[in-house]
Every structure is written in structure tokens, then in C-alpha cells.
PDB file of N, CA and C in Angstrom:
ATOM      1  N   MET A   1     149.655  53.020 101.369  1.00  0.00           N
ATOM      2  CA  MET A   1     149.536  54.259 100.630  1.00  0.00           C
ATOM      3  C   MET A   1     148.504  55.213 101.321  1.00  0.00           C
ATOM      4  N   ARG A   2     147.475  54.616 101.876  1.00  0.00           N
ATOM      5  CA  ARG A   2     146.433  55.396 102.553  1.00  0.00           C
ATOM      6  C   ARG A   2     147.019  56.232 103.676  1.00  0.00           C
ATOM      7  N   ILE A   3     147.902  55.670 104.459  1.00  0.00           N
ATOM      8  CA  ILE A   3     148.508  56.364 105.583  1.00  0.00           C
ATOM      9  C   ILE A   3     149.371  57.532 105.089  1.00  0.00           C
ATOM     10  N   ILE A   4     150.071  57.294 104.005  1.00  0.00           N
ATOM     11  CA  ILE A   4     150.894  58.375 103.425  1.00  0.00           C
ATOM     12  C   ILE A   4     150.013  59.542 103.005  1.00  0.00           C
ATOM     13  N   TYR A   5     148.870  59.265 102.373  1.00  0.00           N
ATOM     14  CA  TYR A   5     147.962  60.349 102.003  1.00  0.00           C
ATOM     15  C   TYR A   5     147.427  61.089 103.237  1.00  0.00           C
ATOM     16  N   ILE A   6     147.106  60.362 104.295  1.00  0.00           N
ATOM     17  CA  ILE A   6     146.630  60.980 105.512  1.00  0.00           C
ATOM     18  C   ILE A   6     147.684  61.903 106.119  1.00  0.00           C
ATOM     19  N   VAL A   7     148.925  61.415 106.187  1.00  0.00           N
ATOM     20  CA  VAL A   7     150.008  62.217 106.762  1.00  0.00           C
ATOM     21  C   VAL A   7     150.275  63.444 105.917  1.00  0.00           C
ATOM     22  N   LEU A   8     150.362  63.266 104.580  1.00  0.00           N
ATOM     23  CA  LEU A   8     150.554  64.413 103.690  1.00  0.00           C
ATOM     24  C   LEU A   8     149.370  65.409 103.803  1.00  0.00           C
ATOM     25  N   GLY A   9     148.181  64.900 103.891  1.00  0.00           N
ATOM     26  CA  GLY A   9     147.013  65.777 104.009  1.00  0.00           C
ATOM     27  C   GLY A   9     147.046  66.572 105.297  1.00  0.00           C
ATOM     28  N   CYS A  10     147.439  65.945 106.388  1.00  0.00           N
ATOM     29  CA  CYS A  10     147.522  66.643 107.688  1.00  0.00           C
ATOM     30  C   CYS A  10     148.633  67.699 107.695  1.00  0.00           C
ATOM     31  N   LEU A  11     149.792  67.355 107.121  1.00  0.00           N
ATOM     32  CA  LEU A  11     150.900  68.345 107.018  1.00  0.00           C
ATOM     33  C   LEU A  11     150.491  69.521 106.133  1.00  0.00           C
ATOM     34  N   SER A  12     149.851  69.216 105.030  1.00  0.00           N
ATOM     35  CA  SER A  12     149.409  70.261 104.117  1.00  0.00           C
ATOM     36  C   SER A  12     148.336  71.113 104.778  1.00  0.00           C
ATOM     37  N   LEU A  13     147.445  70.510 105.557  1.00  0.00           N
ATOM     38  CA  LEU A  13     146.423  71.256 106.291  1.00  0.00           C
ATOM     39  C   LEU A  13     147.070  72.189 107.304  1.00  0.00           C
ATOM     40  N   LEU A  14     148.107  71.712 107.982  1.00  0.00           N
ATOM     41  CA  LEU A  14     148.822  72.561 108.931  1.00  0.00           C
ATOM     42  C   LEU A  14     149.421  73.772 108.253  1.00  0.00           C
ATOM     43  N   LEU A  15     150.120  73.527 107.127  1.00  0.00           N
ATOM     44  CA  LEU A  15     150.683  74.653 106.381  1.00  0.00           C
ATOM     45  C   LEU A  15     149.619  75.592 105.835  1.00  0.00           C
ATOM     46  N   GLY A  16     148.496  75.025 105.393  1.00  0.00           N
ATOM     47  CA  GLY A  16     147.387  75.847 104.902  1.00  0.00           C
ATOM     48  C   GLY A  16     146.795  76.704 106.011  1.00  0.00           C
ATOM     49  N   GLY A  17     146.692  76.133 107.205  1.00  0.00           N
ATOM     50  CA  GLY A  17     146.184  76.899 108.337  1.00  0.00           C
ATOM     51  C   GLY A  17     147.125  78.038 108.730  1.00  0.00           C
ATOM     52  N   ILE A  18     148.409  77.753 108.691  1.00  0.00           N
ATOM     53  CA  ILE A  18     149.409  78.815 108.951  1.00  0.00           C
ATOM     54  C   ILE A  18     149.321  79.862 107.853  1.00  0.00           C
ATOM     55  N   GLY A  19     149.166  79.421 106.606  1.00  0.00           N
ATOM     56  CA  GLY A  19     149.049  80.346 105.489  1.00  0.00           C
ATOM     57  C   GLY A  19     147.840  81.236 105.521  1.00  0.00           C
ATOM     58  N   ALA A  20     146.772  80.733 106.157  1.00  0.00           N
ATOM     59  CA  ALA A  20     145.566  81.536 106.308  1.00  0.00           C
ATOM     60  C   ALA A  20     145.805  82.725 107.242  1.00  0.00           C
ATOM     61  N   ALA A  21     146.717  82.534 108.198  1.00  0.00           N
ATOM     62  CA  ALA A  21     146.995  83.575 109.172  1.00  0.00           C
ATOM     63  C   ALA A  21     148.148  84.485 108.750  1.00  0.00           C
ATOM     64  N   LEU A  22     149.129  83.936 108.037  1.00  0.00           N
ATOM     65  CA  LEU A  22     150.287  84.751 107.572  1.00  0.00           C
ATOM     66  C   LEU A  22     150.051  85.210 106.145  1.00  0.00           C
ATOM     67  N   PRO A  23     150.275  86.479 105.868  1.00  0.00           N
ATOM     68  CA  PRO A  23     150.009  86.982 104.527  1.00  0.00           C
ATOM     69  C   PRO A  23     150.991  86.491 103.463  1.00  0.00           C
ATOM     70  N   LEU A  24     152.206  86.113 103.846  1.00  0.00           N
ATOM     71  CA  LEU A  24     153.209  85.691 102.869  1.00  0.00           C
ATOM     72  C   LEU A  24     152.989  84.264 102.411  1.00  0.00           C
ATOM     73  N   LEU A  25     152.564  83.401 103.257  1.00  0.00           N
ATOM     74  CA  LEU A  25     152.401  81.974 102.922  1.00  0.00           C
ATOM     75  C   LEU A  25     150.987  81.752 102.403  1.00  0.00           C
ATOM     76  N   PRO A  26     150.834  81.297 101.159  1.00  0.00           N
ATOM     77  CA  PRO A  26     149.473  81.116 100.631  1.00  0.00           C
ATOM     78  C   PRO A  26     148.830  79.860 101.197  1.00  0.00           C
ATOM     79  N   SER A  27     147.582  79.937 101.532  1.00  0.00           N
ATOM     80  CA  SER A  27     146.885  78.779 102.097  1.00  0.00           C
ATOM     81  C   SER A  27     146.282  77.935 100.963  1.00  0.00           C
ATOM     82  N   PHE A  28     145.921  78.562  99.881  1.00  0.00           N
ATOM     83  CA  PHE A  28     145.175  77.871  98.829  1.00  0.00           C
ATOM     84  C   PHE A  28     145.826  76.581  98.310  1.00  0.00           C
ATOM     85  N   PRO A  29     147.085  76.594  97.864  1.00  0.00           N
ATOM     86  CA  PRO A  29     147.635  75.329  97.331  1.00  0.00           C
ATOM     87  C   PRO A  29     147.759  74.239  98.368  1.00  0.00           C
ATOM     88  N   PHE A  30     148.064  74.627  99.588  1.00  0.00           N
ATOM     89  CA  PHE A  30     148.167  73.612 100.653  1.00  0.00           C
ATOM     90  C   PHE A  30     146.805  73.003 100.981  1.00  0.00           C
ATOM     91  N   LEU A  31     145.798  73.830 101.051  1.00  0.00           N
ATOM     92  CA  LEU A  31     144.474  73.329 101.356  1.00  0.00           C
ATOM     93  C   LEU A  31     143.914  72.509 100.206  1.00  0.00           C
ATOM     94  N   LEU A  32     144.230  72.877  98.990  1.00  0.00           N
ATOM     95  CA  LEU A  32     143.785  72.101  97.811  1.00  0.00           C
ATOM     96  C   LEU A  32     144.456  70.722  97.847  1.00  0.00           C
ATOM     97  N   PHE A  33     145.738  70.690  98.207  1.00  0.00           N
ATOM     98  CA  PHE A  33     146.428  69.431  98.308  1.00  0.00           C
ATOM     99  C   PHE A  33     145.856  68.569  99.452  1.00  0.00           C
ATOM    100  N   SER A  34     145.492  69.218 100.543  1.00  0.00           N
ATOM    101  CA  SER A  34     144.857  68.500 101.664  1.00  0.00           C
ATOM    102  C   SER A  34     143.551  67.856 101.222  1.00  0.00           C
ATOM    103  N   ALA A  35     142.745  68.604 100.478  1.00  0.00           N
ATOM    104  CA  ALA A  35     141.498  68.047  99.974  1.00  0.00           C
ATOM    105  C   ALA A  35     141.730  66.844  99.085  1.00  0.00           C
ATOM    106  N   PHE A  36     142.739  66.933  98.239  1.00  0.00           N
ATOM    107  CA  PHE A  36     143.135  65.808  97.368  1.00  0.00           C
ATOM    108  C   PHE A  36     143.550  64.605  98.200  1.00  0.00           C
ATOM    109  N   CYS A  37     144.443  64.822  99.147  1.00  0.00           N
ATOM    110  CA  CYS A  37     144.957  63.711  99.959  1.00  0.00           C
ATOM    111  C   CYS A  37     143.861  63.072 100.808  1.00  0.00           C
ATOM    112  N   PHE A  38     143.028  63.893 101.421  1.00  0.00           N
ATOM    113  CA  PHE A  38     141.939  63.348 102.246  1.00  0.00           C
ATOM    114  C   PHE A  38     140.926  62.622 101.358  1.00  0.00           C
ATOM    115  N   GLY A  39     140.694  63.108 100.141  1.00  0.00           N
ATOM    116  CA  GLY A  39     139.792  62.425  99.217  1.00  0.00           C
ATOM    117  C   GLY A  39     140.306  61.069  98.812  1.00  0.00           C
ATOM    118  N   LYS A  40     141.614  60.949  98.702  1.00  0.00           N
ATOM    119  CA  LYS A  40     142.245  59.668  98.319  1.00  0.00           C
ATOM    120  C   LYS A  40     142.361  58.713  99.490  1.00  0.00           C
ATOM    121  N   SER A  41     142.374  59.222 100.721  1.00  0.00           N
ATOM    122  CA  SER A  41     142.680  58.364 101.862  1.00  0.00           C
ATOM    123  C   SER A  41     141.456  57.966 102.683  1.00  0.00           C
ATOM    124  N   SER A  42     140.576  58.909 102.932  1.00  0.00           N
ATOM    125  CA  SER A  42     139.483  58.616 103.878  1.00  0.00           C
ATOM    126  C   SER A  42     138.277  59.468 103.581  1.00  0.00           C
ATOM    127  N   LYS A  43     137.171  58.817 103.347  1.00  0.00           N
ATOM    128  CA  LYS A  43     135.915  59.555 103.106  1.00  0.00           C
ATOM    129  C   LYS A  43     135.533  60.362 104.347  1.00  0.00           C
ATOM    130  N   ARG A  44     135.782  59.828 105.519  1.00  0.00           N
ATOM    131  CA  ARG A  44     135.434  60.527 106.752  1.00  0.00           C
ATOM    132  C   ARG A  44     136.262  61.806 106.915  1.00  0.00           C
ATOM    133  N   LEU A  45     137.579  61.721 106.685  1.00  0.00           N
ATOM    134  CA  LEU A  45     138.463  62.903 106.751  1.00  0.00           C
ATOM    135  C   LEU A  45     138.056  63.936 105.691  1.00  0.00           C
ATOM    136  N   HIS A  46     137.786  63.444 104.494  1.00  0.00           N
ATOM    137  CA  HIS A  46     137.385  64.350 103.423  1.00  0.00           C
ATOM    138  C   HIS A  46     136.096  65.085 103.753  1.00  0.00           C
ATOM    139  N   ASN A  47     135.099  64.368 104.246  1.00  0.00           N
ATOM    140  CA  ASN A  47     133.828  65.024 104.645  1.00  0.00           C
ATOM    141  C   ASN A  47     134.032  66.013 105.746  1.00  0.00           C
ATOM    142  N   TRP A  48     134.888  65.678 106.732  1.00  0.00           N
ATOM    143  CA  TRP A  48     135.176  66.596 107.812  1.00  0.00           C
ATOM    144  C   TRP A  48     135.820  67.883 107.252  1.00  0.00           C
ATOM    145  N   PHE A  49     136.819  67.688 106.374  1.00  0.00           N
ATOM    146  CA  PHE A  49     137.590  68.826 105.833  1.00  0.00           C
ATOM    147  C   PHE A  49     136.687  69.765 105.045  1.00  0.00           C
ATOM    148  N   ILE A  50     135.829  69.232 104.207  1.00  0.00           N
ATOM    149  CA  ILE A  50     135.004  70.120 103.339  1.00  0.00           C
ATOM    150  C   ILE A  50     133.931  70.870 104.138  1.00  0.00           C
ATOM    151  N   HIS A  51     133.742  70.506 105.401  1.00  0.00           N
ATOM    152  CA  HIS A  51     132.784  71.228 106.236  1.00  0.00           C
ATOM    153  C   HIS A  51     133.469  72.210 107.200  1.00  0.00           C
ATOM    154  N   THR A  52     134.778  72.340 107.112  1.00  0.00           N
ATOM    155  CA  THR A  52     135.472  73.303 107.977  1.00  0.00           C
ATOM    156  C   THR A  52     135.409  74.694 107.357  1.00  0.00           C
ATOM    157  N   ASN A  53     135.512  75.704 108.212  1.00  0.00           N
ATOM    158  CA  ASN A  53     135.513  77.096 107.744  1.00  0.00           C
ATOM    159  C   ASN A  53     136.738  77.391 106.888  1.00  0.00           C
ATOM    160  N   LEU A  54     137.846  76.748 107.183  1.00  0.00           N
ATOM    161  CA  LEU A  54     139.097  76.936 106.408  1.00  0.00           C
ATOM    162  C   LEU A  54     138.841  76.562 104.937  1.00  0.00           C
ATOM    163  N   TYR A  55     138.198  75.421 104.723  1.00  0.00           N
ATOM    164  CA  TYR A  55     137.853  74.994 103.373  1.00  0.00           C
ATOM    165  C   TYR A  55     136.831  75.945 102.742  1.00  0.00           C
ATOM    166  N   LYS A  56     135.784  76.246 103.475  1.00  0.00           N
ATOM    167  CA  LYS A  56     134.710  77.082 102.926  1.00  0.00           C
ATOM    168  C   LYS A  56     135.190  78.479 102.553  1.00  0.00           C
ATOM    169  N   ASN A  57     136.074  79.038 103.371  1.00  0.00           N
ATOM    170  CA  ASN A  57     136.552  80.414 103.109  1.00  0.00           C
ATOM    171  C   ASN A  57     137.602  80.464 102.014  1.00  0.00           C
ATOM    172  N   ASN A  58     138.344  79.386 101.777  1.00  0.00           N
ATOM    173  CA  ASN A  58     139.479  79.434 100.858  1.00  0.00           C
ATOM    174  C   ASN A  58     139.302  78.630  99.572  1.00  0.00           C
ATOM    175  N   LEU A  59     138.580  77.537  99.618  1.00  0.00           N
ATOM    176  CA  LEU A  59     138.551  76.650  98.443  1.00  0.00           C
ATOM    177  C   LEU A  59     137.163  76.432  97.838  1.00  0.00           C
ATOM    178  N   GLU A  60     136.131  76.524  98.631  1.00  0.00           N
ATOM    179  CA  GLU A  60     134.816  76.097  98.155  1.00  0.00           C
ATOM    180  C   GLU A  60     134.383  76.748  96.849  1.00  0.00           C
ATOM    181  N   SER A  61     134.561  78.057  96.725  1.00  0.00           N
ATOM    182  CA  SER A  61     134.127  78.725  95.491  1.00  0.00           C
ATOM    183  C   SER A  61     134.939  78.265  94.300  1.00  0.00           C
ATOM    184  N   TYR A  62     136.258  77.998  94.484  1.00  0.00           N
ATOM    185  CA  TYR A  62     137.090  77.546  93.373  1.00  0.00           C
ATOM    186  C   TYR A  62     136.700  76.132  92.954  1.00  0.00           C
ATOM    187  N   VAL A  63     136.505  75.246  93.930  1.00  0.00           N
ATOM    188  CA  VAL A  63     136.141  73.859  93.631  1.00  0.00           C
ATOM    189  C   VAL A  63     134.794  73.783  92.930  1.00  0.00           C
ATOM    190  N   LYS A  64     133.886  74.656  93.290  1.00  0.00           N
ATOM    191  CA  LYS A  64     132.571  74.692  92.651  1.00  0.00           C
ATOM    192  C   LYS A  64     132.612  75.358  91.290  1.00  0.00           C
ATOM    193  N   GLY A  65     133.753  75.856  90.885  1.00  0.00           N
ATOM    194  CA  GLY A  65     133.906  76.486  89.550  1.00  0.00           C
ATOM    195  C   GLY A  65     133.508  77.939  89.522  1.00  0.00           C
ATOM    196  N   GLN A  66     133.328  78.560  90.681  1.00  0.00           N
ATOM    197  CA  GLN A  66     132.921  79.962  90.724  1.00  0.00           C
ATOM    198  C   GLN A  66     134.103  80.902  90.638  1.00  0.00           C
ATOM    199  N   GLY A  67     135.289  80.487  90.982  1.00  0.00           N
ATOM    200  CA  GLY A  67     136.467  81.339  90.899  1.00  0.00           C
ATOM    201  C   GLY A  67     137.088  81.603  92.260  1.00  0.00           C
ATOM    202  N   MET A  68     137.935  82.648  92.307  1.00  0.00           N
ATOM    203  CA  MET A  68     138.641  83.042  93.522  1.00  0.00           C
ATOM    204  C   MET A  68     138.463  84.546  93.731  1.00  0.00           C
ATOM    205  N   THR A  69     138.637  84.941  94.979  1.00  0.00           N
ATOM    206  CA  THR A  69     138.620  86.352  95.258  1.00  0.00           C
ATOM    207  C   THR A  69     139.934  87.004  94.722  1.00  0.00           C
ATOM    208  N   ARG A  70     139.839  88.269  94.461  1.00  0.00           N
ATOM    209  CA  ARG A  70     141.039  89.004  93.960  1.00  0.00           C
ATOM    210  C   ARG A  70     142.189  88.910  94.969  1.00  0.00           C
ATOM    211  N   LYS A  71     141.859  89.017  96.262  1.00  0.00           N
ATOM    212  CA  LYS A  71     142.871  88.943  97.299  1.00  0.00           C
ATOM    213  C   LYS A  71     143.587  87.592  97.279  1.00  0.00           C
ATOM    214  N   THR A  72     142.848  86.511  97.135  1.00  0.00           N
ATOM    215  CA  THR A  72     143.463  85.167  97.083  1.00  0.00           C
ATOM    216  C   THR A  72     144.335  85.024  95.839  1.00  0.00           C
ATOM    217  N   LYS A  73     143.822  85.462  94.716  1.00  0.00           N
ATOM    218  CA  LYS A  73     144.628  85.376  93.484  1.00  0.00           C
ATOM    219  C   LYS A  73     145.941  86.174  93.623  1.00  0.00           C
ATOM    220  N   ILE A  74     145.874  87.357  94.172  1.00  0.00           N
ATOM    221  CA  ILE A  74     147.062  88.178  94.311  1.00  0.00           C
ATOM    222  C   ILE A  74     148.057  87.528  95.256  1.00  0.00           C
ATOM    223  N   ARG A  75     147.563  87.006  96.394  1.00  0.00           N
ATOM    224  CA  ARG A  75     148.439  86.336  97.352  1.00  0.00           C
ATOM    225  C   ARG A  75     149.181  85.169  96.700  1.00  0.00           C
ATOM    226  N   ILE A  76     148.465  84.356  95.926  1.00  0.00           N
ATOM    227  CA  ILE A  76     149.086  83.216  95.269  1.00  0.00           C
ATOM    228  C   ILE A  76     150.122  83.699  94.247  1.00  0.00           C
ATOM    229  N   MET A  77     149.772  84.683  93.448  1.00  0.00           N
ATOM    230  CA  MET A  77     150.708  85.165  92.437  1.00  0.00           C
ATOM    231  C   MET A  77     151.955  85.803  93.058  1.00  0.00           C
ATOM    232  N   VAL A  78     151.788  86.532  94.125  1.00  0.00           N
ATOM    233  CA  VAL A  78     152.960  87.157  94.783  1.00  0.00           C
ATOM    234  C   VAL A  78     153.866  86.083  95.382  1.00  0.00           C
ATOM    235  N   PHE A  79     153.273  85.088  96.033  1.00  0.00           N
ATOM    236  CA  PHE A  79     154.084  84.033  96.650  1.00  0.00           C
ATOM    237  C   PHE A  79     154.858  83.259  95.568  1.00  0.00           C
ATOM    238  N   VAL A  80     154.175  82.878  94.503  1.00  0.00           N
ATOM    239  CA  VAL A  80     154.864  82.118  93.463  1.00  0.00           C
ATOM    240  C   VAL A  80     155.925  82.986  92.777  1.00  0.00           C
ATOM    241  N   THR A  81     155.646  84.242  92.576  1.00  0.00           N
ATOM    242  CA  THR A  81     156.642  85.147  91.974  1.00  0.00           C
ATOM    243  C   THR A  81     157.893  85.258  92.871  1.00  0.00           C
ATOM    244  N   LEU A  82     157.686  85.410  94.136  1.00  0.00           N
ATOM    245  CA  LEU A  82     158.824  85.489  95.069  1.00  0.00           C
ATOM    246  C   LEU A  82     159.626  84.178  95.085  1.00  0.00           C
ATOM    247  N   THR A  83     158.915  83.088  95.150  1.00  0.00           N
ATOM    248  CA  THR A  83     159.579  81.766  95.176  1.00  0.00           C
ATOM    249  C   THR A  83     160.363  81.534  93.879  1.00  0.00           C
ATOM    250  N   MET A  84     159.741  81.813  92.765  1.00  0.00           N
ATOM    251  CA  MET A  84     160.414  81.607  91.493  1.00  0.00           C
ATOM    252  C   MET A  84     161.564  82.590  91.282  1.00  0.00           C
ATOM    253  N   SER A  85     161.457  83.777  91.849  1.00  0.00           N
ATOM    254  CA  SER A  85     162.543  84.737  91.736  1.00  0.00           C
ATOM    255  C   SER A  85     163.807  84.236  92.443  1.00  0.00           C
ATOM    256  N   ILE A  86     163.631  83.573  93.578  1.00  0.00           N
ATOM    257  CA  ILE A  86     164.768  83.006  94.273  1.00  0.00           C
ATOM    258  C   ILE A  86     165.445  81.946  93.394  1.00  0.00           C
ATOM    259  N   GLY A  87     164.635  81.086  92.795  1.00  0.00           N
ATOM    260  CA  GLY A  87     165.199  80.070  91.880  1.00  0.00           C
ATOM    261  C   GLY A  87     165.871  80.694  90.666  1.00  0.00           C
ATOM    262  N   PHE A  88     165.249  81.752  90.147  1.00  0.00           N
ATOM    263  CA  PHE A  88     165.800  82.417  88.982  1.00  0.00           C
ATOM    264  C   PHE A  88     167.157  83.035  89.294  1.00  0.00           C
ATOM    265  N   ILE A  89     167.263  83.667  90.467  1.00  0.00           N
ATOM    266  CA  ILE A  89     168.526  84.271  90.883  1.00  0.00           C
ATOM    267  C   ILE A  89     169.604  83.186  91.109  1.00  0.00           C
ATOM    268  N   MET A  90     169.213  82.108  91.726  1.00  0.00           N
ATOM    269  CA  MET A  90     170.171  81.051  91.999  1.00  0.00           C
ATOM    270  C   MET A  90     170.635  80.309  90.741  1.00  0.00           C
ATOM    271  N   MET A  91     169.888  80.438  89.661  1.00  0.00           N
ATOM    272  CA  MET A  91     170.262  79.792  88.393  1.00  0.00           C
ATOM    273  C   MET A  91     170.976  80.739  87.448  1.00  0.00           C
ATOM    274  N   SER A  92     171.780  81.608  87.989  1.00  0.00           N
ATOM    275  CA  SER A  92     172.457  82.601  87.140  1.00  0.00           C
ATOM    276  C   SER A  92     173.356  81.949  86.099  1.00  0.00           C
ATOM    277  N   GLN A  93     173.869  80.755  86.353  1.00  0.00           N
ATOM    278  CA  GLN A  93     174.746  80.055  85.405  1.00  0.00           C
ATOM    279  C   GLN A  93     173.987  79.112  84.477  1.00  0.00           C
ATOM    280  N   VAL A  94     172.680  78.880  84.710  1.00  0.00           N
ATOM    281  CA  VAL A  94     171.893  77.895  83.963  1.00  0.00           C
ATOM    282  C   VAL A  94     170.839  78.626  83.126  1.00  0.00           C
ATOM    283  N   THR A  95     171.195  78.970  81.935  1.00  0.00           N
ATOM    284  CA  THR A  95     170.329  79.730  81.050  1.00  0.00           C
ATOM    285  C   THR A  95     169.015  78.972  80.729  1.00  0.00           C
ATOM    286  N   VAL A  96     169.140  77.704  80.440  1.00  0.00           N
ATOM    287  CA  VAL A  96     167.953  76.895  80.124  1.00  0.00           C
ATOM    288  C   VAL A  96     166.997  76.846  81.322  1.00  0.00           C
ATOM    289  N   GLY A  97     167.543  76.693  82.506  1.00  0.00           N
ATOM    290  CA  GLY A  97     166.725  76.685  83.711  1.00  0.00           C
ATOM    291  C   GLY A  97     165.964  77.973  83.904  1.00  0.00           C
ATOM    292  N   ARG A  98     166.660  79.075  83.645  1.00  0.00           N
ATOM    293  CA  ARG A  98     166.030  80.403  83.753  1.00  0.00           C
ATOM    294  C   ARG A  98     164.912  80.571  82.745  1.00  0.00           C
ATOM    295  N   ILE A  99     165.127  80.083  81.530  1.00  0.00           N
ATOM    296  CA  ILE A  99     164.113  80.167  80.486  1.00  0.00           C
ATOM    297  C   ILE A  99     162.880  79.346  80.868  1.00  0.00           C
ATOM    298  N   ILE A 100     163.113  78.146  81.382  1.00  0.00           N
ATOM    299  CA  ILE A 100     162.001  77.291  81.799  1.00  0.00           C
ATOM    300  C   ILE A 100     161.220  77.937  82.971  1.00  0.00           C
ATOM    301  N   LEU A 101     161.959  78.437  83.940  1.00  0.00           N
ATOM    302  CA  LEU A 101     161.315  79.134  85.067  1.00  0.00           C
ATOM    303  C   LEU A 101     160.492  80.304  84.604  1.00  0.00           C
ATOM    304  N   ALA A 102     161.045  81.082  83.682  1.00  0.00           N
ATOM    305  CA  ALA A 102     160.332  82.251  83.177  1.00  0.00           C
ATOM    306  C   ALA A 102     159.041  81.828  82.444  1.00  0.00           C
ATOM    307  N   CYS A 103     159.123  80.751  81.675  1.00  0.00           N
ATOM    308  CA  CYS A 103     157.931  80.284  80.964  1.00  0.00           C
ATOM    309  C   CYS A 103     156.873  79.773  81.939  1.00  0.00           C
ATOM    310  N   VAL A 104     157.275  79.046  82.971  1.00  0.00           N
ATOM    311  CA  VAL A 104     156.343  78.564  83.993  1.00  0.00           C
ATOM    312  C   VAL A 104     155.712  79.765  84.705  1.00  0.00           C
ATOM    313  N   TRP A 105     156.523  80.727  85.046  1.00  0.00           N
ATOM    314  CA  TRP A 105     156.023  81.937  85.738  1.00  0.00           C
ATOM    315  C   TRP A 105     154.991  82.670  84.840  1.00  0.00           C
ATOM    316  N   LEU A 106     155.315  82.844  83.571  1.00  0.00           N
ATOM    317  CA  LEU A 106     154.397  83.526  82.684  1.00  0.00           C
ATOM    318  C   LEU A 106     153.074  82.776  82.547  1.00  0.00           C
ATOM    319  N   PHE A 107     153.142  81.429  82.458  1.00  0.00           N
ATOM    320  CA  PHE A 107     151.939  80.636  82.385  1.00  0.00           C
ATOM    321  C   PHE A 107     151.129  80.770  83.678  1.00  0.00           C
ATOM    322  N   HIS A 108     151.810  80.786  84.771  1.00  0.00           N
ATOM    323  CA  HIS A 108     151.134  80.921  86.079  1.00  0.00           C
ATOM    324  C   HIS A 108     150.381  82.251  86.147  1.00  0.00           C
ATOM    325  N   ILE A 109     151.017  83.304  85.743  1.00  0.00           N
ATOM    326  CA  ILE A 109     150.378  84.622  85.761  1.00  0.00           C
ATOM    327  C   ILE A 109     149.198  84.642  84.776  1.00  0.00           C
ATOM    328  N   TYR A 110     149.401  84.099  83.585  1.00  0.00           N
ATOM    329  CA  TYR A 110     148.318  84.030  82.590  1.00  0.00           C
ATOM    330  C   TYR A 110     147.137  83.244  83.171  1.00  0.00           C
ATOM    331  N   TYR A 111     147.400  82.079  83.758  1.00  0.00           N
ATOM    332  CA  TYR A 111     146.331  81.217  84.255  1.00  0.00           C
ATOM    333  C   TYR A 111     145.508  81.912  85.328  1.00  0.00           C
ATOM    334  N   PHE A 112     146.158  82.539  86.281  1.00  0.00           N
ATOM    335  CA  PHE A 112     145.426  83.190  87.389  1.00  0.00           C
ATOM    336  C   PHE A 112     144.733  84.469  86.973  1.00  0.00           C
ATOM    337  N   THR A 113     145.268  85.175  85.952  1.00  0.00           N
ATOM    338  CA  THR A 113     144.612  86.409  85.543  1.00  0.00           C
ATOM    339  C   THR A 113     143.508  86.150  84.496  1.00  0.00           C
ATOM    340  N   CYS A 114     143.723  85.184  83.614  1.00  0.00           N
ATOM    341  CA  CYS A 114     142.800  85.013  82.497  1.00  0.00           C
ATOM    342  C   CYS A 114     141.893  83.786  82.602  1.00  0.00           C
ATOM    343  N   ARG A 115     142.309  82.765  83.276  1.00  0.00           N
ATOM    344  CA  ARG A 115     141.570  81.513  83.261  1.00  0.00           C
ATOM    345  C   ARG A 115     140.745  81.281  84.554  1.00  0.00           C
ATOM    346  N   VAL A 116     141.182  81.822  85.666  1.00  0.00           N
ATOM    347  CA  VAL A 116     140.479  81.682  86.916  1.00  0.00           C
ATOM    348  C   VAL A 116     139.572  82.888  87.116  1.00  0.00           C
ATOM    349  N   LYS A 117     138.263  82.633  87.263  1.00  0.00           N
ATOM    350  CA  LYS A 117     137.299  83.739  87.445  1.00  0.00           C
ATOM    351  C   LYS A 117     137.577  84.460  88.744  1.00  0.00           C
ATOM    352  N   THR A 118     137.371  85.768  88.695  1.00  0.00           N
ATOM    353  CA  THR A 118     137.487  86.618  89.900  1.00  0.00           C
ATOM    354  C   THR A 118     136.098  86.860  90.461  1.00  0.00           C
ATOM    355  N   ILE A 119     135.915  86.569  91.728  1.00  0.00           N
ATOM    356  CA  ILE A 119     134.651  86.830  92.357  1.00  0.00           C
ATOM    357  C   ILE A 119     134.810  87.958  93.374  1.00  0.00           C
ATOM    358  N   ALA A 120     133.712  88.550  93.758  1.00  0.00           N
ATOM    359  CA  ALA A 120     133.752  89.693  94.667  1.00  0.00           C
ATOM    360  C   ALA A 120     134.232  89.346  96.047  1.00  0.00           C
TER     361      ALA A 120
END
């Protein structure tokens, strides 16, 4: 199981690194997943990861409970909205699926606007 966590953490780190450079792909969820996987698999990898600039610039304030920057919050909300819109369109025949997706989307927007602190 340890090797699976390491592989998933590395893949997620790769996607998070790409997301840090590309405006459409959010880095935050991938980097958060990397931190989780590295924490479960290897203390050495986890310590290395939390000392990288990628972690410090994107996750550190959130993990410490300080919140996220407005730019990060907007990027995450736009990406999730676009992704869920594709699913919503594809479920034109599945009313229950559309209702569930809409509820998840509304909760997502509520969580990032009202529950996650915005920092400067």
C-alpha cells in the first residue's frame, strides 16, 4: 500500500506542478492530495514536500488554517464549475444526476466563499 501512495503522490504532484503553470488546471487539489499521499507513505517524502516552494506558495496557508488567496479560490471554483458543467450537459437524460451535481456544485461554491477564509 505504501508504494501505491508514493506513486499516487508523485502523479498528483506532477499534475499540481502543471496546474501551477497553467491557469485552467488547479494545482491546489492535486498538491493537497500529494501531501496526503506522502504523509501516508513516507515521512522523508512528506518532509521534502512541505519544504518545497510549490507547497509553500499553494497550500501552506490553507493547511495552517489561515485560508486561501482570492486568486486560488477563484481558480478552484472556475475549474470545478467547468468540470461539473460538462457532466451536467452530458446527463441531459438523467434528472436525478443533474440534481445531485447541482447540489454538489452549490455546496462547493458555498464552502469556498463562506467557509474558507480569504487572505490577501
